Structures are given as C-alpha cells and as structure tokens.
Amino acid sequence: QVQLVESGGGLVQAGGSLRLSCAASGGTFSTYTMAWFRQAPGKEREFVAAIRWSRNIRYYADSVRGRFTISRDSAKNTVYLQMNSLKPEDTAVYSCAADPYSAMSYLSSREYAYWGQGTQVTVSS
C-alpha cells in the first residue's frame, strides 16, 4: 500500500522560506505524478504544483510560480516543495498526493489516489 508522509511545515514570517518533504513508500514511483495541494480555512483545496516523476516535468499554479519549486529525489523516494518569498495568503494545510496513472489532468485532486496527512504552513505578516 502506498504511503505518503509529509514533514517540514511550520510558522514563518512573510518573505521567509520553508521546504516541505513527502516521503513515499509502497509503490513504483517512476510512473507516478506527484503533487502538492493546499487548503486554507474556509476555502476549497487547490492545486499548488506537480511533477511527472520519470520525465521530471513540473507544473505550477500561477499563484506560486517563480516562488515555489517542486522536485524529487528518486534514491529517497521523496518529493520536495521549496517555498520562497512566502506570503500570508500561502497559509494552509499542504498535502502531498500521488497519481499512479499520471493522468493528463494533473490539476484535479480527483486524479490522485493517495494522500498524505497534511502539514500546516502558517505565514505571519
């Protein structure tokens, strides 16, 4: 069974940085698309970034492009989200997700079969 475990969340001041990690196990991730989503209080879950594991193709939401970087370490089966120039509106629970079929529609949370428990990111102004 695929398991995803996030870490790295916390409290940071606006303009600061955090790196989230998602340790994956129980699958052959070379065929997967991995993604980060976030959900702020009272808002719907939204796409943040995704990476096609085998071809290292990356996608970003407009709101984070240029500030966030998604990457993966195949030796460690870990996906990272480096978040720079953080803003108060980035405050949310960030969740890692895995799509074993690498669907075309990487933006939709419905395509992802596996989810981590989430990690809180709070950006103070």
N, C-alpha and C. Protein backbone atom coordinates (compact mmCIF):
# COMPACT_ATOMS: atom_id res chain seq x y z
N GLN A 1 0.84 -1.19 0.00
CA GLN A 1 0.00 0.00 0.00
C GLN A 1 0.88 1.24 0.00
N VAL A 2 0.52 2.18 -0.87
CA VAL A 2 1.29 3.42 -0.95
C VAL A 2 1.03 4.27 0.29
N GLN A 3 2.10 4.79 0.84
CA GLN A 3 2.00 5.70 1.97
C GLN A 3 2.80 6.96 1.68
N LEU A 4 2.24 8.09 2.07
CA LEU A 4 2.89 9.39 1.89
C LEU A 4 2.96 10.08 3.24
N VAL A 5 4.14 10.52 3.61
CA VAL A 5 4.32 11.18 4.90
C VAL A 5 4.98 12.53 4.69
N GLU A 6 4.25 13.60 5.00
CA GLU A 6 4.77 14.95 4.83
C GLU A 6 5.49 15.41 6.10
N SER A 7 6.41 16.33 5.90
CA SER A 7 7.08 16.99 7.01
C SER A 7 7.58 18.34 6.53
N GLY A 8 7.98 19.18 7.49
CA GLY A 8 8.60 20.45 7.13
C GLY A 8 7.74 21.68 7.28
N GLY A 9 6.49 21.52 7.65
CA GLY A 9 5.65 22.68 7.85
C GLY A 9 6.04 23.45 9.10
N GLY A 10 5.43 24.61 9.28
CA GLY A 10 5.72 25.40 10.47
C GLY A 10 5.26 26.83 10.32
N LEU A 11 5.76 27.65 11.24
CA LEU A 11 5.42 29.08 11.26
C LEU A 11 6.61 29.87 10.74
N VAL A 12 6.35 30.78 9.81
CA VAL A 12 7.41 31.58 9.23
C VAL A 12 6.89 32.98 8.97
N GLN A 13 7.77 33.96 9.00
CA GLN A 13 7.36 35.33 8.69
C GLN A 13 7.26 35.52 7.18
N ALA A 14 6.45 36.48 6.79
CA ALA A 14 6.33 36.81 5.37
C ALA A 14 7.71 37.13 4.79
N GLY A 15 7.94 36.60 3.60
CA GLY A 15 9.23 36.75 2.95
C GLY A 15 10.20 35.61 3.23
N GLY A 16 9.85 34.78 4.18
CA GLY A 16 10.71 33.67 4.55
C GLY A 16 10.53 32.46 3.65
N SER A 17 11.21 31.36 4.04
CA SER A 17 11.20 30.14 3.24
C SER A 17 10.94 28.91 4.11
N LEU A 18 10.39 27.91 3.48
CA LEU A 18 10.21 26.60 4.09
C LEU A 18 10.40 25.55 3.01
N ARG A 19 10.83 24.36 3.42
CA ARG A 19 10.89 23.24 2.48
C ARG A 19 10.05 22.10 3.05
N LEU A 20 9.06 21.70 2.29
CA LEU A 20 8.24 20.56 2.65
C LEU A 20 8.80 19.31 2.00
N SER A 21 8.68 18.19 2.72
CA SER A 21 9.10 16.90 2.19
C SER A 21 7.92 15.94 2.21
N CYS A 22 7.91 15.04 1.25
CA CYS A 22 6.89 13.99 1.17
C CYS A 22 7.62 12.68 0.91
N ALA A 23 7.72 11.86 1.94
CA ALA A 23 8.39 10.56 1.81
C ALA A 23 7.36 9.53 1.37
N ALA A 24 7.64 8.91 0.23
CA ALA A 24 6.71 7.94 -0.36
C ALA A 24 7.23 6.53 -0.22
N SER A 25 6.32 5.59 0.01
CA SER A 25 6.71 4.18 0.11
C SER A 25 5.58 3.31 -0.41
N GLY A 26 5.93 2.05 -0.75
CA GLY A 26 4.91 1.09 -1.13
C GLY A 26 4.52 1.11 -2.60
N GLY A 27 5.26 1.82 -3.43
CA GLY A 27 4.90 1.86 -4.85
C GLY A 27 6.11 2.01 -5.74
N THR A 28 5.89 1.90 -7.04
CA THR A 28 6.95 2.13 -8.03
C THR A 28 6.72 3.51 -8.61
N PHE A 29 7.37 4.48 -8.06
CA PHE A 29 7.01 5.87 -8.31
C PHE A 29 7.50 6.43 -9.63
N SER A 30 8.30 5.67 -10.33
CA SER A 30 8.79 6.17 -11.62
C SER A 30 7.67 6.42 -12.62
N THR A 31 6.51 5.81 -12.42
CA THR A 31 5.39 6.00 -13.33
C THR A 31 4.36 7.01 -12.80
N TYR A 32 4.60 7.54 -11.65
CA TYR A 32 3.62 8.38 -10.96
C TYR A 32 3.76 9.86 -11.34
N THR A 33 2.66 10.59 -11.10
CA THR A 33 2.70 12.03 -10.97
C THR A 33 2.48 12.34 -9.49
N MET A 34 3.36 13.16 -8.95
CA MET A 34 3.25 13.56 -7.55
C MET A 34 2.88 15.04 -7.51
N ALA A 35 2.12 15.41 -6.51
CA ALA A 35 1.66 16.79 -6.46
C ALA A 35 1.53 17.28 -5.03
N TRP A 36 1.51 18.59 -4.92
CA TRP A 36 1.17 19.26 -3.66
C TRP A 36 -0.12 20.04 -3.88
N PHE A 37 -1.03 19.89 -2.93
CA PHE A 37 -2.24 20.69 -2.86
C PHE A 37 -2.26 21.40 -1.51
N ARG A 38 -3.09 22.42 -1.41
CA ARG A 38 -3.22 23.11 -0.14
C ARG A 38 -4.68 23.50 0.08
N GLN A 39 -5.01 23.63 1.36
CA GLN A 39 -6.36 24.03 1.72
C GLN A 39 -6.30 24.99 2.89
N ALA A 40 -6.78 26.19 2.67
CA ALA A 40 -6.86 27.19 3.72
C ALA A 40 -8.23 27.10 4.40
N PRO A 41 -8.33 27.59 5.63
CA PRO A 41 -9.61 27.53 6.34
C PRO A 41 -10.73 28.21 5.55
N GLY A 42 -11.84 27.50 5.40
CA GLY A 42 -12.98 28.06 4.71
C GLY A 42 -12.87 28.09 3.20
N LYS A 43 -11.80 27.52 2.66
CA LYS A 43 -11.61 27.53 1.21
C LYS A 43 -11.50 26.10 0.69
N GLU A 44 -11.68 25.96 -0.62
CA GLU A 44 -11.54 24.65 -1.23
C GLU A 44 -10.07 24.30 -1.40
N ARG A 45 -9.83 23.02 -1.50
CA ARG A 45 -8.47 22.55 -1.77
C ARG A 45 -8.04 23.04 -3.15
N GLU A 46 -6.79 23.48 -3.25
CA GLU A 46 -6.31 23.98 -4.53
C GLU A 46 -4.96 23.37 -4.90
N PHE A 47 -4.77 23.24 -6.19
CA PHE A 47 -3.52 22.72 -6.73
C PHE A 47 -2.39 23.72 -6.50
N VAL A 48 -1.22 23.20 -6.15
CA VAL A 48 -0.04 24.04 -5.96
C VAL A 48 1.03 23.73 -7.01
N ALA A 49 1.43 22.44 -7.07
CA ALA A 49 2.49 22.05 -8.00
C ALA A 49 2.44 20.55 -8.22
N ALA A 50 2.96 20.12 -9.38
CA ALA A 50 3.02 18.69 -9.68
C ALA A 50 4.29 18.38 -10.45
N ILE A 51 4.70 17.12 -10.38
CA ILE A 51 5.88 16.67 -11.11
C ILE A 51 5.64 15.28 -11.67
N ARG A 52 5.94 15.12 -12.96
CA ARG A 52 5.90 13.79 -13.58
C ARG A 52 7.24 13.13 -13.22
N TRP A 53 7.17 12.06 -12.43
CA TRP A 53 8.38 11.53 -11.81
C TRP A 53 9.43 11.13 -12.83
N SER A 54 9.05 10.36 -13.84
CA SER A 54 10.04 9.80 -14.75
C SER A 54 10.68 10.87 -15.63
N ARG A 55 9.90 11.83 -16.12
CA ARG A 55 10.43 12.82 -17.06
C ARG A 55 10.78 14.14 -16.38
N ASN A 56 10.51 14.20 -15.07
CA ASN A 56 10.86 15.40 -14.30
C ASN A 56 10.22 16.66 -14.89
N ILE A 57 9.01 16.53 -15.43
CA ILE A 57 8.26 17.68 -15.94
C ILE A 57 7.47 18.27 -14.77
N ARG A 58 7.50 19.57 -14.65
CA ARG A 58 6.92 20.25 -13.49
C ARG A 58 5.83 21.22 -13.93
N TYR A 59 4.84 21.35 -13.06
CA TYR A 59 3.73 22.26 -13.29
C TYR A 59 3.49 23.07 -12.01
N TYR A 60 3.05 24.30 -12.19
CA TYR A 60 2.81 25.17 -11.04
C TYR A 60 1.50 25.95 -11.20
N ALA A 61 0.88 26.22 -10.07
CA ALA A 61 -0.22 27.17 -10.07
C ALA A 61 0.35 28.57 -10.30
N ASP A 62 -0.44 29.42 -10.94
CA ASP A 62 0.03 30.78 -11.22
C ASP A 62 0.41 31.52 -9.94
N SER A 63 -0.30 31.23 -8.87
CA SER A 63 -0.08 31.95 -7.61
C SER A 63 1.26 31.65 -6.96
N VAL A 64 1.91 30.56 -7.36
CA VAL A 64 3.19 30.19 -6.73
C VAL A 64 4.35 30.14 -7.71
N ARG A 65 4.05 30.25 -9.00
CA ARG A 65 5.12 30.14 -10.00
C ARG A 65 6.15 31.23 -9.77
N GLY A 66 7.43 30.81 -9.78
CA GLY A 66 8.52 31.74 -9.53
C GLY A 66 8.92 31.83 -8.06
N ARG A 67 8.07 31.35 -7.17
CA ARG A 67 8.38 31.36 -5.73
C ARG A 67 8.58 29.95 -5.18
N PHE A 68 7.83 28.99 -5.70
CA PHE A 68 7.89 27.61 -5.22
C PHE A 68 8.58 26.74 -6.27
N THR A 69 9.26 25.70 -5.79
CA THR A 69 9.89 24.73 -6.69
C THR A 69 9.60 23.32 -6.21
N ILE A 70 9.06 22.50 -7.09
CA ILE A 70 8.83 21.09 -6.76
C ILE A 70 9.98 20.28 -7.35
N SER A 71 10.42 19.27 -6.59
CA SER A 71 11.50 18.41 -7.06
C SER A 71 11.33 17.03 -6.46
N ARG A 72 12.09 16.09 -6.98
CA ARG A 72 12.03 14.73 -6.43
C ARG A 72 13.42 14.13 -6.37
N ASP A 73 13.60 13.25 -5.39
CA ASP A 73 14.84 12.50 -5.21
C ASP A 73 14.49 11.03 -5.35
N SER A 74 14.85 10.45 -6.48
CA SER A 74 14.47 9.06 -6.75
C SER A 74 15.13 8.08 -5.79
N ALA A 75 16.33 8.38 -5.36
CA ALA A 75 17.03 7.48 -4.44
C ALA A 75 16.33 7.40 -3.09
N LYS A 76 15.67 8.49 -2.72
CA LYS A 76 15.00 8.54 -1.41
C LYS A 76 13.47 8.41 -1.53
N ASN A 77 12.96 8.31 -2.77
CA ASN A 77 11.50 8.28 -2.98
C ASN A 77 10.83 9.44 -2.24
N THR A 78 11.39 10.60 -2.41
CA THR A 78 10.90 11.78 -1.69
C THR A 78 10.67 12.92 -2.67
N VAL A 79 9.57 13.63 -2.45
CA VAL A 79 9.23 14.82 -3.23
C VAL A 79 9.33 16.02 -2.30
N TYR A 80 9.85 17.10 -2.83
CA TYR A 80 10.05 18.31 -2.04
C TYR A 80 9.25 19.47 -2.63
N LEU A 81 8.91 20.41 -1.76
CA LEU A 81 8.35 21.67 -2.21
C LEU A 81 9.12 22.77 -1.50
N GLN A 82 10.00 23.41 -2.24
CA GLN A 82 10.74 24.54 -1.71
C GLN A 82 9.90 25.79 -1.90
N MET A 83 9.61 26.47 -0.80
CA MET A 83 8.73 27.63 -0.83
C MET A 83 9.52 28.86 -0.38
N ASN A 84 9.69 29.79 -1.29
CA ASN A 84 10.41 31.03 -1.00
C ASN A 84 9.47 32.22 -1.10
N SER A 85 9.90 33.34 -0.56
CA SER A 85 9.10 34.57 -0.61
C SER A 85 7.66 34.32 -0.17
N LEU A 86 7.52 33.65 0.94
CA LEU A 86 6.19 33.26 1.41
C LEU A 86 5.36 34.48 1.77
N LYS A 87 4.06 34.34 1.53
CA LYS A 87 3.09 35.41 1.79
C LYS A 87 2.04 34.90 2.78
N PRO A 88 1.39 35.79 3.51
CA PRO A 88 0.33 35.33 4.42
C PRO A 88 -0.74 34.51 3.71
N GLU A 89 -1.02 34.81 2.46
CA GLU A 89 -2.04 34.04 1.73
C GLU A 89 -1.59 32.63 1.36
N ASP A 90 -0.33 32.30 1.63
CA ASP A 90 0.14 30.92 1.45
C ASP A 90 -0.21 30.04 2.65
N THR A 91 -0.73 30.63 3.70
CA THR A 91 -1.10 29.87 4.89
C THR A 91 -2.17 28.85 4.56
N ALA A 92 -1.89 27.59 4.89
CA ALA A 92 -2.80 26.49 4.56
C ALA A 92 -2.22 25.19 5.09
N VAL A 93 -3.04 24.15 5.03
CA VAL A 93 -2.54 22.79 5.21
C VAL A 93 -2.11 22.28 3.84
N TYR A 94 -0.86 21.88 3.75
CA TYR A 94 -0.30 21.39 2.49
C TYR A 94 -0.28 19.86 2.52
N SER A 95 -0.80 19.27 1.45
CA SER A 95 -0.87 17.83 1.37
C SER A 95 -0.18 17.32 0.12
N CYS A 96 0.52 16.22 0.28
CA CYS A 96 1.17 15.53 -0.83
C CYS A 96 0.19 14.52 -1.41
N ALA A 97 0.22 14.35 -2.73
CA ALA A 97 -0.69 13.41 -3.38
C ALA A 97 0.04 12.65 -4.48
N ALA A 98 -0.44 11.43 -4.74
CA ALA A 98 0.20 10.58 -5.74
C ALA A 98 -0.83 10.01 -6.71
N ASP A 99 -0.53 10.14 -8.00
CA ASP A 99 -1.38 9.57 -9.05
C ASP A 99 -0.57 8.48 -9.76
N PRO A 100 -0.91 7.22 -9.57
CA PRO A 100 -0.13 6.14 -10.17
C PRO A 100 -0.28 6.04 -11.69
N TYR A 101 -1.29 6.71 -12.26
CA TYR A 101 -1.54 6.58 -13.69
C TYR A 101 -1.12 7.81 -14.48
N SER A 102 -0.60 8.81 -13.78
CA SER A 102 -0.15 10.05 -14.43
C SER A 102 -1.18 10.56 -15.43
N ALA A 103 -2.38 10.83 -14.92
CA ALA A 103 -3.47 11.33 -15.76
C ALA A 103 -3.08 12.67 -16.37
N MET A 104 -3.72 12.98 -17.51
CA MET A 104 -3.45 14.26 -18.17
C MET A 104 -3.84 15.43 -17.28
N SER A 105 -4.94 15.28 -16.56
CA SER A 105 -5.48 16.39 -15.77
C SER A 105 -4.85 16.44 -14.39
N TYR A 106 -3.59 16.83 -14.34
CA TYR A 106 -2.86 16.86 -13.07
C TYR A 106 -3.40 17.90 -12.11
N LEU A 107 -4.23 18.84 -12.58
CA LEU A 107 -4.77 19.89 -11.73
C LEU A 107 -5.86 19.39 -10.79
N SER A 108 -6.51 18.31 -11.16
CA SER A 108 -7.68 17.86 -10.41
C SER A 108 -7.30 16.92 -9.28
N SER A 109 -7.76 17.23 -8.08
CA SER A 109 -7.47 16.37 -6.93
C SER A 109 -8.09 14.99 -7.09
N ARG A 110 -9.12 14.90 -7.93
CA ARG A 110 -9.79 13.61 -8.12
C ARG A 110 -8.90 12.59 -8.81
N GLU A 111 -7.85 13.04 -9.47
CA GLU A 111 -6.96 12.12 -10.17
C GLU A 111 -5.97 11.42 -9.23
N TYR A 112 -5.88 11.88 -8.03
CA TYR A 112 -4.85 11.38 -7.11
C TYR A 112 -5.45 10.36 -6.15
N ALA A 113 -4.90 9.16 -6.19
CA ALA A 113 -5.46 8.06 -5.39
C ALA A 113 -4.94 8.03 -3.97
N TYR A 114 -3.76 8.60 -3.77
CA TYR A 114 -3.12 8.51 -2.45
C TYR A 114 -2.79 9.90 -1.93
N TRP A 115 -2.99 10.05 -0.61
CA TRP A 115 -2.79 11.35 0.03
C TRP A 115 -2.06 11.20 1.34
N GLY A 116 -1.23 12.18 1.65
CA GLY A 116 -0.63 12.24 2.96
C GLY A 116 -1.57 12.89 3.95
N GLN A 117 -1.10 13.00 5.19
CA GLN A 117 -1.96 13.51 6.26
C GLN A 117 -2.00 15.02 6.30
N GLY A 118 -1.06 15.67 5.61
CA GLY A 118 -1.02 17.12 5.57
C GLY A 118 -0.09 17.71 6.61
N THR A 119 0.43 18.88 6.29
CA THR A 119 1.30 19.61 7.22
C THR A 119 0.93 21.09 7.17
N GLN A 120 0.86 21.71 8.33
CA GLN A 120 0.41 23.09 8.43
C GLN A 120 1.55 24.05 8.11
N VAL A 121 1.25 25.01 7.24
CA VAL A 121 2.16 26.11 6.96
C VAL A 121 1.45 27.40 7.33
N THR A 122 2.06 28.17 8.21
CA THR A 122 1.48 29.44 8.64
C THR A 122 2.49 30.55 8.38
N VAL A 123 2.05 31.56 7.64
CA VAL A 123 2.92 32.68 7.29
C VAL A 123 2.35 33.93 7.97
N SER A 124 3.15 34.50 8.85
CA SER A 124 2.69 35.69 9.58
C SER A 124 3.12 36.96 8.86
N SER A 125 2.30 37.98 8.99
CA SER A 125 2.60 39.26 8.30
C SER A 125 3.42 40.19 9.17
